[in-house]
C-alpha atoms as a PDB file:
ATOM      1  CA  MET A   1     -84.948 -23.197  38.393  1.00  0.00           C
ATOM      2  CA  ALA A   2     -82.261 -20.622  37.907  1.00  0.00           C
ATOM      3  CA  SER A   3     -81.846 -18.996  41.284  1.00  0.00           C
ATOM      4  CA  ARG A   4     -79.289 -17.619  43.678  1.00  0.00           C
ATOM      5  CA  PHE A   5     -80.591 -20.313  46.027  1.00  0.00           C
ATOM      6  CA  PRO A   6     -80.493 -23.595  44.041  1.00  0.00           C
ATOM      7  CA  PHE A   7     -81.415 -25.833  46.957  1.00  0.00           C
ATOM      8  CA  THR A   8     -84.441 -27.040  48.878  1.00  0.00           C
ATOM      9  CA  LEU A   9     -85.084 -26.195  52.497  1.00  0.00           C
ATOM     10  CA  LEU A  10     -87.299 -28.443  54.559  1.00  0.00           C
ATOM     11  CA  THR A  11     -89.252 -27.508  57.648  1.00  0.00           C
ATOM     12  CA  ALA A  12     -91.170 -30.011  59.717  1.00  0.00           C
ATOM     13  CA  GLN A  13     -94.944 -29.792  59.224  1.00  0.00           C
ATOM     14  CA  THR A  14     -95.381 -29.458  62.978  1.00  0.00           C
ATOM     15  CA  GLU A  15     -93.121 -26.384  62.998  1.00  0.00           C
ATOM     16  CA  THR A  16     -94.981 -24.809  60.067  1.00  0.00           C
ATOM     17  CA  GLU A  17     -98.314 -25.374  61.823  1.00  0.00           C
ATOM     18  CA  ARG A  18     -96.981 -23.967  65.096  1.00  0.00           C
ATOM     19  CA  VAL A  19     -95.725 -20.772  63.455  1.00  0.00           C
ATOM     20  CA  LEU A  20     -98.916 -20.242  61.451  1.00  0.00           C
ATOM     21  CA  THR A  21    -101.177 -21.001  64.432  1.00  0.00           C
ATOM     22  CA  GLU A  22     -99.277 -18.525  66.615  1.00  0.00           C
ATOM     23  CA  ARG A  23     -99.504 -15.831  63.946  1.00  0.00           C
ATOM     24  CA  LEU A  24    -103.216 -16.407  63.437  1.00  0.00           C
ATOM     25  CA  ALA A  25    -103.805 -16.270  67.200  1.00  0.00           C
ATOM     26  CA  GLY A  26    -101.975 -12.937  67.247  1.00  0.00           C
ATOM     27  CA  LEU A  27    -104.423 -11.697  64.619  1.00  0.00           C
ATOM     28  CA  GLY A  28    -107.399 -12.919  66.660  1.00  0.00           C
ATOM     29  CA  VAL A  29    -108.117 -15.974  64.496  1.00  0.00           C
ATOM     30  CA  ARG A  30    -108.930 -19.331  66.077  1.00  0.00           C
ATOM     31  CA  VAL A  31    -107.913 -22.454  64.144  1.00  0.00           C
ATOM     32  CA  ASP A  32    -110.595 -25.172  64.149  1.00  0.00           C
ATOM     33  CA  ARG A  33    -108.730 -28.420  63.505  1.00  0.00           C
ATOM     34  CA  GLY A  34    -111.948 -30.430  63.742  1.00  0.00           C
ATOM     35  CA  ALA A  35    -113.410 -28.912  60.560  1.00  0.00           C
ATOM     36  CA  GLU A  36    -113.241 -30.584  57.149  1.00  0.00           C
ATOM     37  CA  LEU A  37    -113.681 -28.818  53.814  1.00  0.00           C
ATOM     38  CA  VAL A  38    -116.404 -30.687  51.891  1.00  0.00           C
ATOM     39  CA  GLY A  39    -117.371 -28.196  49.192  1.00  0.00           C
ATOM     40  CA  LEU A  40    -116.619 -24.803  47.757  1.00  0.00           C
ATOM     41  CA  THR A  41    -118.267 -22.372  45.425  1.00  0.00           C
ATOM     42  CA  PRO A  42    -116.328 -19.615  43.644  1.00  0.00           C
ATOM     43  CA  ARG A  43    -117.942 -16.181  43.878  1.00  0.00           C
ATOM     44  CA  PRO A  44    -117.020 -12.849  42.301  1.00  0.00           C
ATOM     45  CA  ASP A  45    -115.829 -11.578  45.692  1.00  0.00           C
ATOM     46  CA  GLY A  46    -114.067 -14.781  46.807  1.00  0.00           C
ATOM     47  CA  VAL A  47    -115.204 -18.252  47.777  1.00  0.00           C
ATOM     48  CA  GLN A  48    -118.038 -19.834  49.754  1.00  0.00           C
ATOM     49  CA  ALA A  49    -116.780 -22.893  51.657  1.00  0.00           C
ATOM     50  CA  GLN A  50    -118.850 -25.731  53.048  1.00  0.00           C
ATOM     51  CA  LEU A  51    -117.378 -27.321  56.172  1.00  0.00           C
ATOM     52  CA  ARG A  52    -118.231 -30.388  58.226  1.00  0.00           C
ATOM     53  CA  ASN A  53    -117.587 -29.704  61.907  1.00  0.00           C
ATOM     54  CA  ALA A  54    -116.317 -32.226  64.464  1.00  0.00           C
ATOM     55  CA  GLY A  55    -119.907 -33.066  65.446  1.00  0.00           C
ATOM     56  CA  GLY A  56    -120.817 -33.910  61.843  1.00  0.00           C
ATOM     57  CA  GLY A  57    -122.869 -30.770  61.233  1.00  0.00           C
ATOM     58  CA  LEU A  58    -122.452 -28.651  58.111  1.00  0.00           C
ATOM     59  CA  GLU A  59    -121.464 -25.006  58.198  1.00  0.00           C
ATOM     60  CA  GLU A  60    -120.764 -22.387  55.536  1.00  0.00           C
ATOM     61  CA  THR A  61    -118.298 -19.544  55.560  1.00  0.00           C
ATOM     62  CA  SER A  62    -117.011 -17.093  52.992  1.00  0.00           C
ATOM     63  CA  ALA A  63    -113.582 -15.604  52.426  1.00  0.00           C
ATOM     64  CA  PRO A  64    -111.858 -13.439  49.831  1.00  0.00           C
ATOM     65  CA  TYR A  65    -109.589 -16.370  48.923  1.00  0.00           C
ATOM     66  CA  LEU A  66    -108.835 -19.980  49.773  1.00  0.00           C
ATOM     67  CA  VAL A  67    -105.333 -21.386  50.170  1.00  0.00           C
ATOM     68  CA  GLY A  68    -104.719 -25.025  49.254  1.00  0.00           C
ATOM     69  CA  ALA A  69    -101.906 -25.961  51.621  1.00  0.00           C
ATOM     70  CA  ASP A  70    -103.075 -29.474  52.312  1.00  0.00           C
ATOM     71  CA  GLY A  71    -100.711 -31.562  50.185  1.00  0.00           C
ATOM     72  CA  ALA A  72    -100.504 -33.032  46.702  1.00  0.00           C
ATOM     73  CA  ASN A  73    -103.764 -34.996  47.064  1.00  0.00           C
ATOM     74  CA  SER A  74    -105.548 -32.087  48.682  1.00  0.00           C
ATOM     75  CA  THR A  75    -109.271 -31.564  49.004  1.00  0.00           C
ATOM     76  CA  VAL A  76    -108.796 -28.008  47.740  1.00  0.00           C
ATOM     77  CA  ARG A  77    -107.118 -29.282  44.563  1.00  0.00           C
ATOM     78  CA  GLN A  78    -109.817 -31.925  44.052  1.00  0.00           C
ATOM     79  CA  LEU A  79    -112.642 -29.412  44.490  1.00  0.00           C
ATOM     80  CA  THR A  80    -111.023 -26.867  42.158  1.00  0.00           C
ATOM     81  CA  GLY A  81    -109.962 -29.455  39.572  1.00  0.00           C
ATOM     82  CA  THR A  82    -106.287 -28.495  39.796  1.00  0.00           C
ATOM     83  CA  ARG A  83    -103.147 -30.570  40.175  1.00  0.00           C
ATOM     84  CA  LEU A  84     -99.775 -30.141  41.788  1.00  0.00           C
ATOM     85  CA  ALA A  85     -97.525 -29.136  38.885  1.00  0.00           C
ATOM     86  CA  GLY A  86     -93.875 -30.039  38.613  1.00  0.00           C
ATOM     87  CA  SER A  87     -91.895 -32.825  40.144  1.00  0.00           C
ATOM     88  CA  PHE A  88     -89.101 -33.546  42.553  1.00  0.00           C
ATOM     89  CA  LYS A  89     -87.105 -35.392  39.889  1.00  0.00           C
ATOM     90  CA  GLY A  90     -83.431 -34.699  40.426  1.00  0.00           C
ATOM     91  CA  GLU A  91     -83.950 -33.308  43.931  1.00  0.00           C
ATOM     92  CA  ARG A  92     -81.816 -34.733  46.699  1.00  0.00           C
ATOM     93  CA  PHE A  93     -83.070 -34.532  50.235  1.00  0.00           C
ATOM     94  CA  ARG A  94     -80.519 -34.911  52.998  1.00  0.00           C
ATOM     95  CA  PRO A  95     -80.999 -34.562  56.709  1.00  0.00           C
ATOM     96  CA  ARG A  96     -79.535 -31.362  58.049  1.00  0.00           C
ATOM     97  CA  ARG A  97     -76.613 -31.870  60.353  1.00  0.00           C
ATOM     98  CA  ARG A  98     -76.802 -30.063  63.628  1.00  0.00           C
ATOM     99  CA  ARG A  99     -73.904 -27.850  64.497  1.00  0.00           C
ATOM    100  CA  SER A 100     -72.344 -28.281  67.913  1.00  0.00           C
END
């Protein structure tokens, strides 16, 4: 891609989750890591999501949108019938050297 920034930056998944969890907590949102998305239904005003909770029970919730940030083989992509487009062909990933 033609860009002023023709490189890839990597951030550890644990760091991404920490930052997002802290921001959500600041907005009054509690993250339920024991829930699993098992179904979704598009609606004119957003999406209805079916969740399986840690105890195995089913719950439903609605939201204006759903973000699929769960990887290339994601449940969100499977349920929406979409794929991860593009490739990493030609990318070089190198560990970042720490500066002293």
